[in-house]
PDB file of N, CA and C in Angstrom:
ATOM      1  N   MET A   1       0.830  -1.201   0.000  1.00  0.00           N
ATOM      2  CA  MET A   1       0.000   0.000   0.000  1.00  0.00           C
ATOM      3  C   MET A   1       0.870   1.260   0.000  1.00  0.00           C
ATOM      4  N   ARG A   2       1.881   1.208   0.827  1.00  0.00           N
ATOM      5  CA  ARG A   2       2.771   2.358   0.923  1.00  0.00           C
ATOM      6  C   ARG A   2       3.471   2.606  -0.416  1.00  0.00           C
ATOM      7  N   ASN A   3       3.812   1.537  -1.106  1.00  0.00           N
ATOM      8  CA  ASN A   3       4.458   1.637  -2.407  1.00  0.00           C
ATOM      9  C   ASN A   3       3.517   2.280  -3.431  1.00  0.00           C
ATOM     10  N   LEU A   4       2.248   1.930  -3.390  1.00  0.00           N
ATOM     11  CA  LEU A   4       1.250   2.502  -4.292  1.00  0.00           C
ATOM     12  C   LEU A   4       1.117   4.005  -4.061  1.00  0.00           C
ATOM     13  N   VAL A   5       1.067   4.416  -2.809  1.00  0.00           N
ATOM     14  CA  VAL A   5       0.966   5.834  -2.476  1.00  0.00           C
ATOM     15  C   VAL A   5       2.213   6.572  -2.956  1.00  0.00           C
ATOM     16  N   SER A   6       3.354   5.970  -2.791  1.00  0.00           N
ATOM     17  CA  SER A   6       4.603   6.592  -3.233  1.00  0.00           C
ATOM     18  C   SER A   6       4.607   6.755  -4.756  1.00  0.00           C
ATOM     19  N   ASN A   7       4.167   5.718  -5.459  1.00  0.00           N
ATOM     20  CA  ASN A   7       4.108   5.797  -6.924  1.00  0.00           C
ATOM     21  C   ASN A   7       3.122   6.876  -7.381  1.00  0.00           C
ATOM     22  N   LEU A   8       1.967   6.940  -6.741  1.00  0.00           N
ATOM     23  CA  LEU A   8       0.969   7.951  -7.094  1.00  0.00           C
ATOM     24  C   LEU A   8       1.484   9.352  -6.787  1.00  0.00           C
ATOM     25  N   SER A   9       2.193   9.481  -5.688  1.00  0.00           N
ATOM     26  CA  SER A   9       2.755  10.772  -5.319  1.00  0.00           C
ATOM     27  C   SER A   9       3.791  11.219  -6.355  1.00  0.00           C
ATOM     28  N   GLN A  10       4.632  10.279  -6.785  1.00  0.00           N
ATOM     29  CA  GLN A  10       5.642  10.592  -7.802  1.00  0.00           C
ATOM     30  C   GLN A  10       4.965  10.948  -9.126  1.00  0.00           C
ATOM     31  N   GLU A  11       3.932  10.206  -9.505  1.00  0.00           N
ATOM     32  CA  GLU A  11       3.205  10.498 -10.740  1.00  0.00           C
ATOM     33  C   GLU A  11       2.536  11.869 -10.659  1.00  0.00           C
ATOM     34  N   ASN A  12       1.975  12.186  -9.493  1.00  0.00           N
ATOM     35  CA  ASN A  12       1.344  13.492  -9.286  1.00  0.00           C
ATOM     36  C   ASN A  12       2.371  14.612  -9.453  1.00  0.00           C
ATOM     37  N   LYS A  13       3.538  14.409  -8.884  1.00  0.00           N
ATOM     38  CA  LYS A  13       4.601  15.409  -8.988  1.00  0.00           C
ATOM     39  C   LYS A  13       5.012  15.594 -10.456  1.00  0.00           C
ATOM     40  N   THR A  14       5.174  14.495 -11.173  1.00  0.00           N
ATOM     41  CA  THR A  14       5.551  14.553 -12.587  1.00  0.00           C
ATOM     42  C   THR A  14       4.483  15.280 -13.400  1.00  0.00           C
ATOM     43  N   LEU A  15       3.224  14.978 -13.135  1.00  0.00           N
ATOM     44  CA  LEU A  15       2.131  15.630 -13.855  1.00  0.00           C
ATOM     45  C   LEU A  15       2.085  17.126 -13.567  1.00  0.00           C
ATOM     46  N   LYS A  16       2.345  17.505 -12.330  1.00  0.00           N
ATOM     47  CA  LYS A  16       2.371  18.932 -11.988  1.00  0.00           C
ATOM     48  C   LYS A  16       3.507  19.641 -12.722  1.00  0.00           C
ATOM     49  N   GLU A  17       4.661  18.994 -12.820  1.00  0.00           N
ATOM     50  CA  GLU A  17       5.790  19.587 -13.539  1.00  0.00           C
ATOM     51  C   GLU A  17       5.463  19.737 -15.028  1.00  0.00           C
ATOM     52  N   GLN A  18       4.826  18.706 -15.589  1.00  0.00           N
ATOM     53  CA  GLN A  18       4.433  18.781 -16.998  1.00  0.00           C
ATOM     54  C   GLN A  18       3.415  19.894 -17.215  1.00  0.00           C
ATOM     55  N   LEU A  19       2.477  20.014 -16.285  1.00  0.00           N
ATOM     56  CA  LEU A  19       1.471  21.069 -16.383  1.00  0.00           C
ATOM     57  C   LEU A  19       2.137  22.444 -16.339  1.00  0.00           C
ATOM     58  N   GLN A  20       3.102  22.604 -15.457  1.00  0.00           N
ATOM     59  CA  GLN A  20       3.829  23.870 -15.357  1.00  0.00           C
ATOM     60  C   GLN A  20       4.577  24.163 -16.657  1.00  0.00           C
ATOM     61  N   THR A  21       5.250  23.155 -17.189  1.00  0.00           N
ATOM     62  CA  THR A  21       5.988  23.319 -18.446  1.00  0.00           C
ATOM     63  C   THR A  21       5.042  23.687 -19.581  1.00  0.00           C
ATOM     64  N   HIS A  22       3.912  22.985 -19.657  1.00  0.00           N
ATOM     65  CA  HIS A  22       2.943  23.272 -20.715  1.00  0.00           C
ATOM     66  C   HIS A  22       2.358  24.677 -20.562  1.00  0.00           C
ATOM     67  N   SER A  23       2.110  25.081 -19.344  1.00  0.00           N
ATOM     68  CA  SER A  23       1.596  26.435 -19.110  1.00  0.00           C
ATOM     69  C   SER A  23       2.600  27.483 -19.581  1.00  0.00           C
ATOM     70  N   GLU A  24       3.868  27.259 -19.294  1.00  0.00           N
ATOM     71  CA  GLU A  24       4.911  28.191 -19.731  1.00  0.00           C
ATOM     72  C   GLU A  24       5.013  28.223 -21.256  1.00  0.00           C
ATOM     73  N   LEU A  25       4.908  27.055 -21.886  1.00  0.00           N
ATOM     74  CA  LEU A  25       4.951  27.002 -23.350  1.00  0.00           C
ATOM     75  C   LEU A  25       3.760  27.731 -23.962  1.00  0.00           C
ATOM     76  N   ILE A  26       2.594  27.566 -23.362  1.00  0.00           N
ATOM     77  CA  ILE A  26       1.392  28.248 -23.855  1.00  0.00           C
ATOM     78  C   ILE A  26       1.560  29.753 -23.733  1.00  0.00           C
ATOM     79  N   ARG A  27       2.051  30.227 -22.594  1.00  0.00           N
ATOM     80  CA  ARG A  27       2.263  31.663 -22.408  1.00  0.00           C
ATOM     81  C   ARG A  27       3.267  32.207 -23.421  1.00  0.00           C
ATOM     82  N   ALA A  28       4.357  31.470 -23.628  1.00  0.00           N
ATOM     83  CA  ALA A  28       5.373  31.911 -24.593  1.00  0.00           C
ATOM     84  C   ALA A  28       4.790  31.945 -26.008  1.00  0.00           C
ATOM     85  N   SER A  29       3.994  30.948 -26.336  1.00  0.00           N
ATOM     86  CA  SER A  29       3.370  30.901 -27.658  1.00  0.00           C
ATOM     87  C   SER A  29       2.387  32.053 -27.843  1.00  0.00           C
ATOM     88  N   GLN A  30       1.621  32.352 -26.811  1.00  0.00           N
ATOM     89  CA  GLN A  30       0.676  33.471 -26.882  1.00  0.00           C
ATOM     90  C   GLN A  30       1.415  34.798 -27.053  1.00  0.00           C
ATOM     91  N   GLU A  31       2.520  34.965 -26.355  1.00  0.00           N
ATOM     92  CA  GLU A  31       3.306  36.194 -26.472  1.00  0.00           C
ATOM     93  C   GLU A  31       3.897  36.312 -27.875  1.00  0.00           C
ATOM     94  N   GLU A  32       4.401  35.206 -28.393  1.00  0.00           N
ATOM     95  CA  GLU A  32       4.955  35.224 -29.748  1.00  0.00           C
ATOM     96  C   GLU A  32       3.862  35.549 -30.767  1.00  0.00           C
ATOM     97  N   SER A  33       2.686  34.980 -30.591  1.00  0.00           N
ATOM     98  CA  SER A  33       1.564  35.270 -31.493  1.00  0.00           C
ATOM     99  C   SER A  33       1.184  36.743 -31.422  1.00  0.00           C
ATOM    100  N   ARG A  34       1.189  37.298 -30.226  1.00  0.00           N
ATOM    101  CA  ARG A  34       0.867  38.712 -30.065  1.00  0.00           C
ATOM    102  C   ARG A  34       1.884  39.576 -30.807  1.00  0.00           C
ATOM    103  N   MET A  35       3.165  39.223 -30.694  1.00  0.00           N
ATOM    104  CA  MET A  35       4.207  39.996 -31.367  1.00  0.00           C
ATOM    105  C   MET A  35       4.074  39.884 -32.891  1.00  0.00           C
ATOM    106  N   VAL A  36       3.767  38.689 -33.388  1.00  0.00           N
ATOM    107  CA  VAL A  36       3.601  38.507 -34.833  1.00  0.00           C
ATOM    108  C   VAL A  36       2.395  39.296 -35.330  1.00  0.00           C
ATOM    109  N   ARG A  37       1.297  39.279 -34.568  1.00  0.00           N
ATOM    110  CA  ARG A  37       0.114  40.062 -34.957  1.00  0.00           C
ATOM    111  C   ARG A  37       0.445  41.549 -35.010  1.00  0.00           C
ATOM    112  N   GLU A  38       1.227  42.026 -34.050  1.00  0.00           N
ATOM    113  CA  GLU A  38       1.616  43.439 -34.023  1.00  0.00           C
ATOM    114  C   GLU A  38       2.491  43.773 -35.230  1.00  0.00           C
ATOM    115  N   GLN A  39       3.436  42.893 -35.552  1.00  0.00           N
ATOM    116  CA  GLN A  39       4.284  43.128 -36.723  1.00  0.00           C
ATOM    117  C   GLN A  39       3.452  43.128 -38.000  1.00  0.00           C
ATOM    118  N   LEU A  40       2.501  42.217 -38.099  1.00  0.00           N
ATOM    119  CA  LEU A  40       1.626  42.165 -39.271  1.00  0.00           C
ATOM    120  C   LEU A  40       0.791  43.437 -39.368  1.00  0.00           C
ATOM    121  N   ARG A  41       0.282  43.903 -38.236  1.00  0.00           N
ATOM    122  CA  ARG A  41      -0.510  45.133 -38.226  1.00  0.00           C
ATOM    123  C   ARG A  41       0.343  46.308 -38.702  1.00  0.00           C
ATOM    124  N   GLN A  42       1.575  46.399 -38.202  1.00  0.00           N
ATOM    125  CA  GLN A  42       2.470  47.483 -38.611  1.00  0.00           C
ATOM    126  C   GLN A  42       2.799  47.388 -40.096  1.00  0.00           C
ATOM    127  N   PHE A  43       3.035  46.174 -40.586  1.00  0.00           N
ATOM    128  CA  PHE A  43       3.332  45.998 -42.004  1.00  0.00           C
ATOM    129  C   PHE A  43       2.144  46.431 -42.852  1.00  0.00           C
ATOM    130  N   MET A  44       0.953  46.003 -42.468  1.00  0.00           N
ATOM    131  CA  MET A  44      -0.239  46.357 -43.237  1.00  0.00           C
ATOM    132  C   MET A  44      -0.471  47.864 -43.205  1.00  0.00           C
ATOM    133  N   GLU A  45      -0.210  48.479 -42.060  1.00  0.00           N
ATOM    134  CA  GLU A  45      -0.346  49.930 -41.938  1.00  0.00           C
ATOM    135  C   GLU A  45       0.638  50.629 -42.877  1.00  0.00           C
ATOM    136  N   THR A  46       1.886  50.187 -42.863  1.00  0.00           N
ATOM    137  CA  THR A  46       2.910  50.770 -43.726  1.00  0.00           C
ATOM    138  C   THR A  46       2.554  50.552 -45.192  1.00  0.00           C
ATOM    139  N   PHE A  47       2.107  49.352 -45.529  1.00  0.00           N
ATOM    140  CA  PHE A  47       1.726  49.034 -46.902  1.00  0.00           C
ATOM    141  C   PHE A  47       0.555  49.901 -47.342  1.00  0.00           C
ATOM    142  N   SER A  48      -0.431  50.069 -46.465  1.00  0.00           N
ATOM    143  CA  SER A  48      -1.595  50.902 -46.791  1.00  0.00           C
ATOM    144  C   SER A  48      -1.178  52.350 -46.997  1.00  0.00           C
ATOM    145  N   LEU A  49      -0.275  52.842 -46.166  1.00  0.00           N
ATOM    146  CA  LEU A  49       0.210  54.213 -46.323  1.00  0.00           C
ATOM    147  C   LEU A  49       0.958  54.357 -47.637  1.00  0.00           C
ATOM    148  N   GLY A  50       1.712  53.335 -48.023  1.00  0.00           N
ATOM    149  CA  GLY A  50       2.437  53.372 -49.287  1.00  0.00           C
ATOM    150  C   GLY A  50       1.477  53.441 -50.457  1.00  0.00           C
ATOM    151  N   LEU A  51       0.406  52.669 -50.408  1.00  0.00           N
ATOM    152  CA  LEU A  51      -0.590  52.708 -51.479  1.00  0.00           C
ATOM    153  C   LEU A  51      -1.303  54.046 -51.496  1.00  0.00           C
ATOM    154  N   ALA A  52      -1.587  54.582 -50.316  1.00  0.00           N
ATOM    155  CA  ALA A  52      -2.284  55.867 -50.239  1.00  0.00           C
ATOM    156  C   ALA A  52      -1.417  56.972 -50.830  1.00  0.00           C
ATOM    157  N   SER A  53      -0.119  56.941 -50.564  1.00  0.00           N
ATOM    158  CA  SER A  53       0.749  57.992 -51.100  1.00  0.00           C
ATOM    159  C   SER A  53       0.882  57.855 -52.612  1.00  0.00           C
ATOM    160  N   GLN A  54       0.836  56.647 -53.128  1.00  0.00           N
ATOM    161  CA  GLN A  54       0.900  56.468 -54.579  1.00  0.00           C
ATOM    162  C   GLN A  54      -0.372  56.966 -55.238  1.00  0.00           C
ATOM    163  N   SER A  55      -1.513  56.715 -54.614  1.00  0.00           N
ATOM    164  CA  SER A  55      -2.773  57.129 -55.232  1.00  0.00           C
ATOM    165  C   SER A  55      -2.984  58.637 -55.117  1.00  0.00           C
ATOM    166  N   SER A  56      -2.281  59.305 -54.197  1.00  0.00           N
ATOM    167  CA  SER A  56      -2.455  60.748 -54.048  1.00  0.00           C
ATOM    168  C   SER A  56      -1.574  61.530 -55.024  1.00  0.00           C
ATOM    169  N   ARG A  57      -0.650  60.852 -55.690  1.00  0.00           N
ATOM    170  CA  ARG A  57       0.188  61.532 -56.680  1.00  0.00           C
ATOM    171  C   ARG A  57      -0.636  61.848 -57.919  1.00  0.00           C
ATOM    172  N   PRO A  58      -0.322  62.960 -58.591  1.00  0.00           N
ATOM    173  CA  PRO A  58      -1.067  63.281 -59.822  1.00  0.00           C
ATOM    174  C   PRO A  58      -0.763  62.238 -60.889  1.00  0.00           C
ATOM    175  N   PRO A  59      -1.692  62.038 -61.809  1.00  0.00           N
ATOM    176  CA  PRO A  59      -1.447  61.044 -62.858  1.00  0.00           C
ATOM    177  C   PRO A  59      -0.273  61.459 -63.730  1.00  0.00           C
ATOM    178  N   GLN A  60       0.448  60.478 -64.205  1.00  0.00           N
ATOM    179  CA  GLN A  60       1.612  60.737 -65.047  1.00  0.00           C
ATOM    180  C   GLN A  60       1.148  61.106 -66.453  1.00  0.00           C
ATOM    181  N   PRO A  61       1.833  62.051 -67.107  1.00  0.00           N
ATOM    182  CA  PRO A  61       1.454  62.392 -68.484  1.00  0.00           C
ATOM    183  C   PRO A  61       1.755  61.206 -69.397  1.00  0.00           C
ATOM    184  N   PRO A  62       1.033  61.095 -70.499  1.00  0.00           N
ATOM    185  CA  PRO A  62       1.295  59.978 -71.409  1.00  0.00           C
ATOM    186  C   PRO A  62       2.675  60.130 -72.029  1.00  0.00           C
ATOM    187  N   PRO A  63       3.263  59.041 -72.479  1.00  0.00           N
ATOM    188  CA  PRO A  63       4.595  59.133 -73.093  1.00  0.00           C
ATOM    189  C   PRO A  63       4.533  59.960 -74.365  1.00  0.00           C
ATOM    190  N   THR A  64       5.643  60.611 -74.692  1.00  0.00           N
ATOM    191  CA  THR A  64       5.671  61.488 -75.869  1.00  0.00           C
ATOM    192  C   THR A  64       5.738  60.687 -77.158  1.00  0.00           C
ATOM    193  N   HIS A  65       6.276  59.501 -77.132  1.00  0.00           N
ATOM    194  CA  HIS A  65       6.354  58.670 -78.331  1.00  0.00           C
ATOM    195  C   HIS A  65       5.176  57.710 -78.333  1.00  0.00           C
ATOM    196  N   ASP A  66       4.262  57.898 -79.245  1.00  0.00           N
ATOM    197  CA  ASP A  66       3.067  57.071 -79.342  1.00  0.00           C
ATOM    198  C   ASP A  66       3.121  56.306 -80.661  1.00  0.00           C
ATOM    199  N   PRO A  67       3.021  54.981 -80.643  1.00  0.00           N
ATOM    200  CA  PRO A  67       3.080  54.205 -81.892  1.00  0.00           C
ATOM    201  C   PRO A  67       2.009  54.629 -82.891  1.00  0.00           C
ATOM    202  N   ASP A  68       0.821  55.032 -82.429  1.00  0.00           N
ATOM    203  CA  ASP A  68      -0.236  55.475 -83.337  1.00  0.00           C
ATOM    204  C   ASP A  68       0.175  56.760 -84.043  1.00  0.00           C
ATOM    205  N   THR A  69       0.822  57.659 -83.316  1.00  0.00           N
ATOM    206  CA  THR A  69       1.282  58.913 -83.903  1.00  0.00           C
ATOM    207  C   THR A  69       2.332  58.625 -84.966  1.00  0.00           C
ATOM    208  N   GLN A  70       3.221  57.705 -84.673  1.00  0.00           N
ATOM    209  CA  GLN A  70       4.262  57.337 -85.630  1.00  0.00           C
ATOM    210  C   GLN A  70       3.627  56.786 -86.901  1.00  0.00           C
ATOM    211  N   GLN A  71       2.613  55.972 -86.769  1.00  0.00           N
ATOM    212  CA  GLN A  71       1.925  55.400 -87.924  1.00  0.00           C
ATOM    213  C   GLN A  71       1.278  56.494 -88.759  1.00  0.00           C
ATOM    214  N   SER A  72       0.620  57.452 -88.114  1.00  0.00           N
ATOM    215  CA  SER A  72      -0.028  58.520 -88.873  1.00  0.00           C
ATOM    216  C   SER A  72       1.006  59.395 -89.573  1.00  0.00           C
ATOM    217  N   ASP A  73       2.173  59.595 -88.951  1.00  0.00           N
ATOM    218  CA  ASP A  73       3.235  60.356 -89.600  1.00  0.00           C
ATOM    219  C   ASP A  73       3.711  59.633 -90.857  1.00  0.00           C
ATOM    220  N   ASP A  74       3.820  58.325 -90.784  1.00  0.00           N
ATOM    221  CA  ASP A  74       4.223  57.540 -91.946  1.00  0.00           C
ATOM    222  C   ASP A  74       3.191  57.667 -93.056  1.00  0.00           C
ATOM    223  N   ASN A  75       1.917  57.669 -92.685  1.00  0.00           N
ATOM    224  CA  ASN A  75       0.860  57.810 -93.681  1.00  0.00           C
ATOM    225  C   ASN A  75       0.938  59.164 -94.365  1.00  0.00           C
ATOM    226  N   GLU A  76       1.264  60.189 -93.611  1.00  0.00           N
ATOM    227  CA  GLU A  76       1.382  61.518 -94.200  1.00  0.00           C
ATOM    228  C   GLU A  76       2.508  61.541 -95.220  1.00  0.00           C
ATOM    229  N   LEU A  77       3.614  60.864 -94.935  1.00  0.00           N
ATOM    230  CA  LEU A  77       4.717  60.801 -95.887  1.00  0.00           C
ATOM    231  C   LEU A  77       4.281  60.066 -97.148  1.00  0.00           C
ATOM    232  N   ASP A  78       3.518  59.004 -96.979  1.00  0.00           N
ATOM    233  CA  ASP A  78       3.016  58.258 -98.133  1.00  0.00           C
ATOM    234  C   ASP A  78       2.112  59.143 -98.981  1.00  0.00           C
ATOM    235  N   ASP A  79       1.288  59.956 -98.344  1.00  0.00           N
ATOM    236  CA  ASP A  79       0.395  60.848 -99.077  1.00  0.00           C
ATOM    237  C   ASP A  79       1.199  61.849 -99.895  1.00  0.00           C
ATOM    238  N   ASP A  80       2.308  62.336 -99.357  1.00  0.00           N
ATOM    239  CA  ASP A  80       3.142  63.305-100.064  1.00  0.00           C
ATOM    240  C   ASP A  80       3.793  62.676-101.294  1.00  0.00           C
ATOM    241  N   SER A  81       4.070  61.409-101.249  1.00  0.00           N
ATOM    242  CA  SER A  81       4.740  60.768-102.379  1.00  0.00           C
ATOM    243  C   SER A  81       3.800  60.592-103.566  1.00  0.00           C
ATOM    244  N   ASN A  82       2.505  60.703-103.354  1.00  0.00           N
ATOM    245  CA  ASN A  82       1.535  60.560-104.436  1.00  0.00           C
ATOM    246  C   ASN A  82       1.255  61.877-105.154  1.00  0.00           C
ATOM    247  N   ILE A  83       1.917  62.939-104.791  1.00  0.00           N
ATOM    248  CA  ILE A  83       1.676  64.246-105.403  1.00  0.00           C
ATOM    249  C   ILE A  83       2.324  64.276-106.782  1.00  0.00           C
ATOM    250  N   ASP A  84       1.565  64.716-107.802  1.00  0.00           N
ATOM    251  CA  ASP A  84       2.098  64.844-109.164  1.00  0.00           C
ATOM    252  C   ASP A  84       2.850  66.155-109.292  1.00  0.00           C
ATOM    253  N   VAL A  85       3.988  66.092-109.896  1.00  0.00           N
ATOM    254  CA  VAL A  85       4.781  67.307-110.066  1.00  0.00           C
ATOM    255  C   VAL A  85       4.737  67.758-111.484  1.00  0.00           C
TER     256      VAL A  85
END
């Protein structure tokens, strides 16, 4: 009987130690999750600000070289070559 009580006492002690270890791991995991959520929030905030600053810029003027314009210029040259002298 005494041996059974001793074994149960040892098992109880082991279980309490495991519970303590698991509690510490849970707390550490929760803290790490909190830090990751904060970093994600900061990243999203920074990203949103970056998009907002891009959208607040005035639109860029169109490029000066337009393929359609080049084509029409070529057509004008072709029209000039058909002139009778």
